[in-house]
Amino acid sequence: VEELGGKILNGLALQPAGTAKTVRAGAVADGP
């Protein structure tokens, strides 16, 4: 990235999708 003239300002690596929780209309569900 630096060689190409760009810059990474920050980054996040996420845990597997199976660890996600979703909130829709106030209801919580397992998964992405």
All heavy atoms as atom14 arrays in JSON, in Angstrom:
{
  "sequence": "VEELGGKILNGLALQPAGTAKTVRAGAVADGP",
  "atom14_mask": [
    [1, 1, 1, 1, 1, 1, 1, 0, 0, 0, 0, 0, 0, 0],
    [1, 1, 1, 1, 1, 1, 1, 1, 1, 0, 0, 0, 0, 0],
    [1, 1, 1, 1, 1, 1, 1, 1, 1, 0, 0, 0, 0, 0],
    [1, 1, 1, 1, 1, 1, 1, 1, 0, 0, 0, 0, 0, 0],
    [1, 1, 1, 1, 0, 0, 0, 0, 0, 0, 0, 0, 0, 0],
    [1, 1, 1, 1, 0, 0, 0, 0, 0, 0, 0, 0, 0, 0],
    [1, 1, 1, 1, 1, 1, 1, 1, 1, 0, 0, 0, 0, 0],
    [1, 1, 1, 1, 1, 1, 1, 1, 0, 0, 0, 0, 0, 0],
    [1, 1, 1, 1, 1, 1, 1, 1, 0, 0, 0, 0, 0, 0],
    [1, 1, 1, 1, 1, 1, 1, 1, 0, 0, 0, 0, 0, 0],
    [1, 1, 1, 1, 0, 0, 0, 0, 0, 0, 0, 0, 0, 0],
    [1, 1, 1, 1, 1, 1, 1, 1, 0, 0, 0, 0, 0, 0],
    [1, 1, 1, 1, 1, 0, 0, 0, 0, 0, 0, 0, 0, 0],
    [1, 1, 1, 1, 1, 1, 1, 1, 0, 0, 0, 0, 0, 0],
    [1, 1, 1, 1, 1, 1, 1, 1, 1, 0, 0, 0, 0, 0],
    [1, 1, 1, 1, 1, 1, 1, 0, 0, 0, 0, 0, 0, 0],
    [1, 1, 1, 1, 1, 0, 0, 0, 0, 0, 0, 0, 0, 0],
    [1, 1, 1, 1, 0, 0, 0, 0, 0, 0, 0, 0, 0, 0],
    [1, 1, 1, 1, 1, 1, 1, 0, 0, 0, 0, 0, 0, 0],
    [1, 1, 1, 1, 1, 0, 0, 0, 0, 0, 0, 0, 0, 0],
    [1, 1, 1, 1, 1, 1, 1, 1, 1, 0, 0, 0, 0, 0],
    [1, 1, 1, 1, 1, 1, 1, 0, 0, 0, 0, 0, 0, 0],
    [1, 1, 1, 1, 1, 1, 1, 0, 0, 0, 0, 0, 0, 0],
    [1, 1, 1, 1, 1, 1, 1, 1, 1, 1, 1, 0, 0, 0],
    [1, 1, 1, 1, 1, 0, 0, 0, 0, 0, 0, 0, 0, 0],
    [1, 1, 1, 1, 0, 0, 0, 0, 0, 0, 0, 0, 0, 0],
    [1, 1, 1, 1, 1, 0, 0, 0, 0, 0, 0, 0, 0, 0],
    [1, 1, 1, 1, 1, 1, 1, 0, 0, 0, 0, 0, 0, 0],
    [1, 1, 1, 1, 1, 0, 0, 0, 0, 0, 0, 0, 0, 0],
    [1, 1, 1, 1, 1, 1, 1, 1, 0, 0, 0, 0, 0, 0],
    [1, 1, 1, 1, 0, 0, 0, 0, 0, 0, 0, 0, 0, 0],
    [1, 1, 1, 1, 1, 1, 1, 0, 0, 0, 0, 0, 0, 0]
  ],
  "atom14_positions": [
    [[0.84, -1.2, 0.0], [0.0, 0.0, 0.0], [0.88, 1.25, 0.0], [0.66, 2.18, -0.78], [-0.96, 0.0, 1.22], [-1.68, 1.33, 1.35], [-1.96, -1.15, 1.11], [0.0, 0.0, 0.0], [0.0, 0.0, 0.0], [0.0, 0.0, 0.0], [0.0, 0.0, 0.0], [0.0, 0.0, 0.0], [0.0, 0.0, 0.0], [0.0, 0.0, 0.0]],
    [[1.88, 1.26, 0.87], [2.79, 2.4, 0.95], [3.55, 2.59, -0.37], [3.69, 3.71, -0.86], [3.77, 2.18, 2.11], [4.59, 3.4, 2.43], [5.43, 3.2, 3.68], [4.89, 2.8, 4.72], [6.65, 3.44, 3.59], [0.0, 0.0, 0.0], [0.0, 0.0, 0.0], [0.0, 0.0, 0.0], [0.0, 0.0, 0.0], [0.0, 0.0, 0.0]],
    [[4.01, 1.48, -0.94], [4.73, 1.53, -2.22], [3.87, 2.15, -3.32], [4.37, 2.86, -4.2], [5.12, 0.09, -2.6], [5.81, -0.09, -3.9], [6.04, -1.57, -4.2], [6.52, -2.3, -3.3], [5.72, -1.99, -5.31], [0.0, 0.0, 0.0], [0.0, 0.0, 0.0], [0.0, 0.0, 0.0], [0.0, 0.0, 0.0], [0.0, 0.0, 0.0]],
    [[2.55, 1.89, -3.26], [1.63, 2.42, -4.27], [1.14, 3.83, -3.96], [0.33, 4.39, -4.69], [0.43, 1.47, -4.42], [0.74, 0.12, -5.03], [-0.45, -0.83, -4.89], [1.13, 0.27, -6.5], [0.0, 0.0, 0.0], [0.0, 0.0, 0.0], [0.0, 0.0, 0.0], [0.0, 0.0, 0.0], [0.0, 0.0, 0.0], [0.0, 0.0, 0.0]],
    [[1.62, 4.41, -2.84], [1.28, 5.79, -2.52], [0.02, 5.96, -1.7], [-0.49, 7.07, -1.56], [0.0, 0.0, 0.0], [0.0, 0.0, 0.0], [0.0, 0.0, 0.0], [0.0, 0.0, 0.0], [0.0, 0.0, 0.0], [0.0, 0.0, 0.0], [0.0, 0.0, 0.0], [0.0, 0.0, 0.0], [0.0, 0.0, 0.0], [0.0, 0.0, 0.0]],
    [[-0.5, 4.88, -1.13], [-1.67, 4.96, -0.27], [-1.26, 4.85, 1.18], [-0.08, 4.72, 1.51], [0.0, 0.0, 0.0], [0.0, 0.0, 0.0], [0.0, 0.0, 0.0], [0.0, 0.0, 0.0], [0.0, 0.0, 0.0], [0.0, 0.0, 0.0], [0.0, 0.0, 0.0], [0.0, 0.0, 0.0], [0.0, 0.0, 0.0], [0.0, 0.0, 0.0]],
    [[-2.26, 4.9, 2.06], [-1.98, 4.8, 3.49], [-3.17, 4.13, 4.17], [-4.31, 4.53, 3.97], [-1.75, 6.19, 4.08], [-1.4, 6.2, 5.55], [-1.12, 7.62, 6.01], [-0.75, 7.62, 7.48], [-0.55, 8.99, 7.98], [0.0, 0.0, 0.0], [0.0, 0.0, 0.0], [0.0, 0.0, 0.0], [0.0, 0.0, 0.0], [0.0, 0.0, 0.0]],
    [[-2.88, 3.1, 4.98], [-3.92, 2.47, 5.78], [-4.0, 3.25, 7.09], [-3.01, 3.36, 7.81], [-3.6, 0.98, 6.04], [-3.61, 0.2, 4.73], [-4.61, 0.39, 7.04], [-3.17, -1.24, 4.86], [0.0, 0.0, 0.0], [0.0, 0.0, 0.0], [0.0, 0.0, 0.0], [0.0, 0.0, 0.0], [0.0, 0.0, 0.0], [0.0, 0.0, 0.0]],
    [[-5.18, 3.8, 7.39], [-5.35, 4.6, 8.59], [-5.69, 3.75, 9.8], [-5.26, 4.04, 10.91], [-6.42, 5.67, 8.38], [-6.11, 6.67, 7.26], [-7.23, 7.69, 7.15], [-4.78, 7.36, 7.5], [0.0, 0.0, 0.0], [0.0, 0.0, 0.0], [0.0, 0.0, 0.0], [0.0, 0.0, 0.0], [0.0, 0.0, 0.0], [0.0, 0.0, 0.0]],
    [[-6.49, 2.73, 9.62], [-6.8, 1.77, 10.69], [-7.48, 0.56, 10.07], [-7.93, 0.6, 8.94], [-7.67, 2.4, 11.79], [-9.0, 2.92, 11.27], [-9.56, 2.39, 10.34], [-9.49, 3.98, 11.86], [0.0, 0.0, 0.0], [0.0, 0.0, 0.0], [0.0, 0.0, 0.0], [0.0, 0.0, 0.0], [0.0, 0.0, 0.0], [0.0, 0.0, 0.0]],
    [[-7.52, -0.52, 10.82], [-8.14, -1.73, 10.3], [-8.67, -2.6, 11.42], [-8.27, -2.46, 12.58], [0.0, 0.0, 0.0], [0.0, 0.0, 0.0], [0.0, 0.0, 0.0], [0.0, 0.0, 0.0], [0.0, 0.0, 0.0], [0.0, 0.0, 0.0], [0.0, 0.0, 0.0], [0.0, 0.0, 0.0], [0.0, 0.0, 0.0], [0.0, 0.0, 0.0]],
    [[-9.58, -3.47, 11.05], [-10.2, -4.4, 11.99], [-10.29, -5.78, 11.35], [-10.77, -5.92, 10.23], [-11.62, -3.94, 12.35], [-11.78, -2.56, 12.95], [-13.25, -2.16, 12.97], [-11.22, -2.54, 14.36], [0.0, 0.0, 0.0], [0.0, 0.0, 0.0], [0.0, 0.0, 0.0], [0.0, 0.0, 0.0], [0.0, 0.0, 0.0], [0.0, 0.0, 0.0]],
    [[-9.84, -6.79, 12.07], [-10.05, -8.18, 11.66], [-11.18, -8.72, 12.53], [-11.17, -8.54, 13.74], [-8.78, -9.0, 11.87], [0.0, 0.0, 0.0], [0.0, 0.0, 0.0], [0.0, 0.0, 0.0], [0.0, 0.0, 0.0], [0.0, 0.0, 0.0], [0.0, 0.0, 0.0], [0.0, 0.0, 0.0], [0.0, 0.0, 0.0], [0.0, 0.0, 0.0]],
    [[-12.16, -9.34, 11.91], [-13.35, -9.79, 12.63], [-13.28, -11.28, 12.98], [-12.7, -12.07, 12.23], [-14.6, -9.53, 11.79], [-14.8, -8.07, 11.37], [-16.04, -7.95, 10.49], [-14.9, -7.16, 12.57], [0.0, 0.0, 0.0], [0.0, 0.0, 0.0], [0.0, 0.0, 0.0], [0.0, 0.0, 0.0], [0.0, 0.0, 0.0], [0.0, 0.0, 0.0]],
    [[-13.9, -11.64, 14.09], [-14.06, -13.04, 14.46], [-15.0, -13.7, 13.43], [-15.69, -13.0, 12.68], [-14.65, -13.16, 15.87], [-13.74, -12.66, 16.96], [-12.55, -13.6, 17.19], [-12.58, -14.78, 16.86], [-11.49, -13.06, 17.76], [0.0, 0.0, 0.0], [0.0, 0.0, 0.0], [0.0, 0.0, 0.0], [0.0, 0.0, 0.0], [0.0, 0.0, 0.0]],
    [[-15.07, -15.04, 13.38], [-15.93, -15.71, 12.39], [-17.4, -15.26, 12.46], [-17.88, -14.84, 13.53], [-15.81, -17.19, 12.77], [-14.49, -17.29, 13.48], [-14.32, -15.99, 14.2], [0.0, 0.0, 0.0], [0.0, 0.0, 0.0], [0.0, 0.0, 0.0], [0.0, 0.0, 0.0], [0.0, 0.0, 0.0], [0.0, 0.0, 0.0], [0.0, 0.0, 0.0]],
    [[-18.08, -15.34, 11.33], [-19.47, -14.89, 11.23], [-20.38, -15.59, 12.24], [-21.36, -15.01, 12.7], [-19.99, -15.12, 9.81], [0.0, 0.0, 0.0], [0.0, 0.0, 0.0], [0.0, 0.0, 0.0], [0.0, 0.0, 0.0], [0.0, 0.0, 0.0], [0.0, 0.0, 0.0], [0.0, 0.0, 0.0], [0.0, 0.0, 0.0], [0.0, 0.0, 0.0]],
    [[-20.06, -16.81, 12.62], [-20.88, -17.55, 13.58], [-20.89, -16.92, 14.96], [-21.74, -17.25, 15.79], [0.0, 0.0, 0.0], [0.0, 0.0, 0.0], [0.0, 0.0, 0.0], [0.0, 0.0, 0.0], [0.0, 0.0, 0.0], [0.0, 0.0, 0.0], [0.0, 0.0, 0.0], [0.0, 0.0, 0.0], [0.0, 0.0, 0.0], [0.0, 0.0, 0.0]],
    [[-19.98, -16.0, 15.24], [-19.95, -15.33, 16.54], [-20.81, -14.08, 16.57], [-20.98, -13.47, 17.61], [-18.51, -14.94, 16.93], [-18.02, -13.97, 16.0], [-17.58, -16.16, 16.96], [0.0, 0.0, 0.0], [0.0, 0.0, 0.0], [0.0, 0.0, 0.0], [0.0, 0.0, 0.0], [0.0, 0.0, 0.0], [0.0, 0.0, 0.0], [0.0, 0.0, 0.0]],
    [[-21.35, -13.7, 15.41], [-22.13, -12.46, 15.3], [-23.51, -12.6, 15.92], [-24.09, -13.69, 15.99], [-22.28, -12.07, 13.83], [0.0, 0.0, 0.0], [0.0, 0.0, 0.0], [0.0, 0.0, 0.0], [0.0, 0.0, 0.0], [0.0, 0.0, 0.0], [0.0, 0.0, 0.0], [0.0, 0.0, 0.0], [0.0, 0.0, 0.0], [0.0, 0.0, 0.0]],
    [[-24.04, -11.48, 16.36], [-25.42, -11.33, 16.81], [-26.02, -10.21, 15.98], [-25.35, -9.25, 15.63], [-25.51, -10.95, 18.3], [-24.84, -11.94, 19.23], [-25.7, -13.14, 19.43], [-25.07, -14.06, 20.47], [-25.72, -15.33, 20.55], [0.0, 0.0, 0.0], [0.0, 0.0, 0.0], [0.0, 0.0, 0.0], [0.0, 0.0, 0.0], [0.0, 0.0, 0.0]],
    [[-27.31, -10.32, 15.68], [-27.98, -9.33, 14.85], [-29.21, -8.82, 15.6], [-29.91, -9.59, 16.23], [-28.44, -9.97, 13.52], [-27.3, -10.53, 12.87], [-29.06, -8.95, 12.6], [0.0, 0.0, 0.0], [0.0, 0.0, 0.0], [0.0, 0.0, 0.0], [0.0, 0.0, 0.0], [0.0, 0.0, 0.0], [0.0, 0.0, 0.0], [0.0, 0.0, 0.0]],
    [[-29.44, -7.52, 15.51], [-30.64, -6.92, 16.09], [-31.48, -6.36, 14.95], [-31.0, -5.54, 14.17], [-30.28, -5.78, 17.08], [-31.54, -5.15, 17.65], [-29.38, -6.3, 18.19], [0.0, 0.0, 0.0], [0.0, 0.0, 0.0], [0.0, 0.0, 0.0], [0.0, 0.0, 0.0], [0.0, 0.0, 0.0], [0.0, 0.0, 0.0], [0.0, 0.0, 0.0]],
    [[-32.71, -6.84, 14.86], [-33.65, -6.35, 13.84], [-34.99, -6.09, 14.54], [-35.54, -7.0, 15.16], [-33.87, -7.38, 12.73], [-32.66, -7.64, 11.88], [-32.97, -8.67, 10.82], [-31.74, -9.19, 10.25], [-31.61, -9.56, 9.0], [-32.62, -9.51, 8.19], [-30.47, -10.01, 8.56], [0.0, 0.0, 0.0], [0.0, 0.0, 0.0], [0.0, 0.0, 0.0]],
    [[-35.47, -4.88, 14.39], [-36.75, -4.49, 15.01], [-36.78, -4.86, 16.49], [-37.79, -5.33, 17.01], [-37.91, -5.12, 14.26], [0.0, 0.0, 0.0], [0.0, 0.0, 0.0], [0.0, 0.0, 0.0], [0.0, 0.0, 0.0], [0.0, 0.0, 0.0], [0.0, 0.0, 0.0], [0.0, 0.0, 0.0], [0.0, 0.0, 0.0], [0.0, 0.0, 0.0]],
    [[-35.63, -4.72, 17.16], [-35.56, -4.98, 18.59], [-35.35, -6.42, 18.98], [-35.1, -6.73, 20.14], [0.0, 0.0, 0.0], [0.0, 0.0, 0.0], [0.0, 0.0, 0.0], [0.0, 0.0, 0.0], [0.0, 0.0, 0.0], [0.0, 0.0, 0.0], [0.0, 0.0, 0.0], [0.0, 0.0, 0.0], [0.0, 0.0, 0.0], [0.0, 0.0, 0.0]],
    [[-35.43, -7.35, 18.03], [-35.24, -8.77, 18.31], [-33.8, -9.16, 18.02], [-33.22, -8.76, 17.01], [-36.19, -9.62, 17.47], [0.0, 0.0, 0.0], [0.0, 0.0, 0.0], [0.0, 0.0, 0.0], [0.0, 0.0, 0.0], [0.0, 0.0, 0.0], [0.0, 0.0, 0.0], [0.0, 0.0, 0.0], [0.0, 0.0, 0.0], [0.0, 0.0, 0.0]],
    [[-33.22, -9.95, 18.93], [-31.83, -10.39, 18.79], [-31.81, -11.8, 18.2], [-32.58, -12.67, 18.62], [-31.1, -10.39, 20.15], [-29.68, -10.92, 20.0], [-31.09, -8.98, 20.73], [0.0, 0.0, 0.0], [0.0, 0.0, 0.0], [0.0, 0.0, 0.0], [0.0, 0.0, 0.0], [0.0, 0.0, 0.0], [0.0, 0.0, 0.0], [0.0, 0.0, 0.0]],
    [[-30.94, -12.01, 17.2], [-30.79, -13.33, 16.57], [-29.31, -13.68, 16.49], [-28.45, -12.79, 16.48], [-31.41, -13.32, 15.18], [0.0, 0.0, 0.0], [0.0, 0.0, 0.0], [0.0, 0.0, 0.0], [0.0, 0.0, 0.0], [0.0, 0.0, 0.0], [0.0, 0.0, 0.0], [0.0, 0.0, 0.0], [0.0, 0.0, 0.0], [0.0, 0.0, 0.0]],
    [[-29.01, -14.96, 16.42], [-27.64, -15.42, 16.23], [-27.28, -15.33, 14.75], [-28.12, -15.56, 13.88], [-27.49, -16.88, 16.68], [-27.6, -17.03, 18.18], [-27.29, -16.07, 18.89], [-28.0, -18.12, 18.64], [0.0, 0.0, 0.0], [0.0, 0.0, 0.0], [0.0, 0.0, 0.0], [0.0, 0.0, 0.0], [0.0, 0.0, 0.0], [0.0, 0.0, 0.0]],
    [[-26.03, -14.99, 14.49], [-25.51, -14.99, 13.13], [-25.39, -13.6, 12.54], [-25.85, -12.62, 13.12], [0.0, 0.0, 0.0], [0.0, 0.0, 0.0], [0.0, 0.0, 0.0], [0.0, 0.0, 0.0], [0.0, 0.0, 0.0], [0.0, 0.0, 0.0], [0.0, 0.0, 0.0], [0.0, 0.0, 0.0], [0.0, 0.0, 0.0], [0.0, 0.0, 0.0]],
    [[-24.77, -13.53, 11.37], [-24.52, -12.24, 10.72], [-25.8, -11.66, 10.12], [-26.8, -12.37, 9.94], [-23.52, -12.59, 9.62], [-23.81, -14.02, 9.31], [-24.24, -14.65, 10.61], [0.0, 0.0, 0.0], [0.0, 0.0, 0.0], [0.0, 0.0, 0.0], [0.0, 0.0, 0.0], [0.0, 0.0, 0.0], [0.0, 0.0, 0.0], [0.0, 0.0, 0.0]]
  ]
}
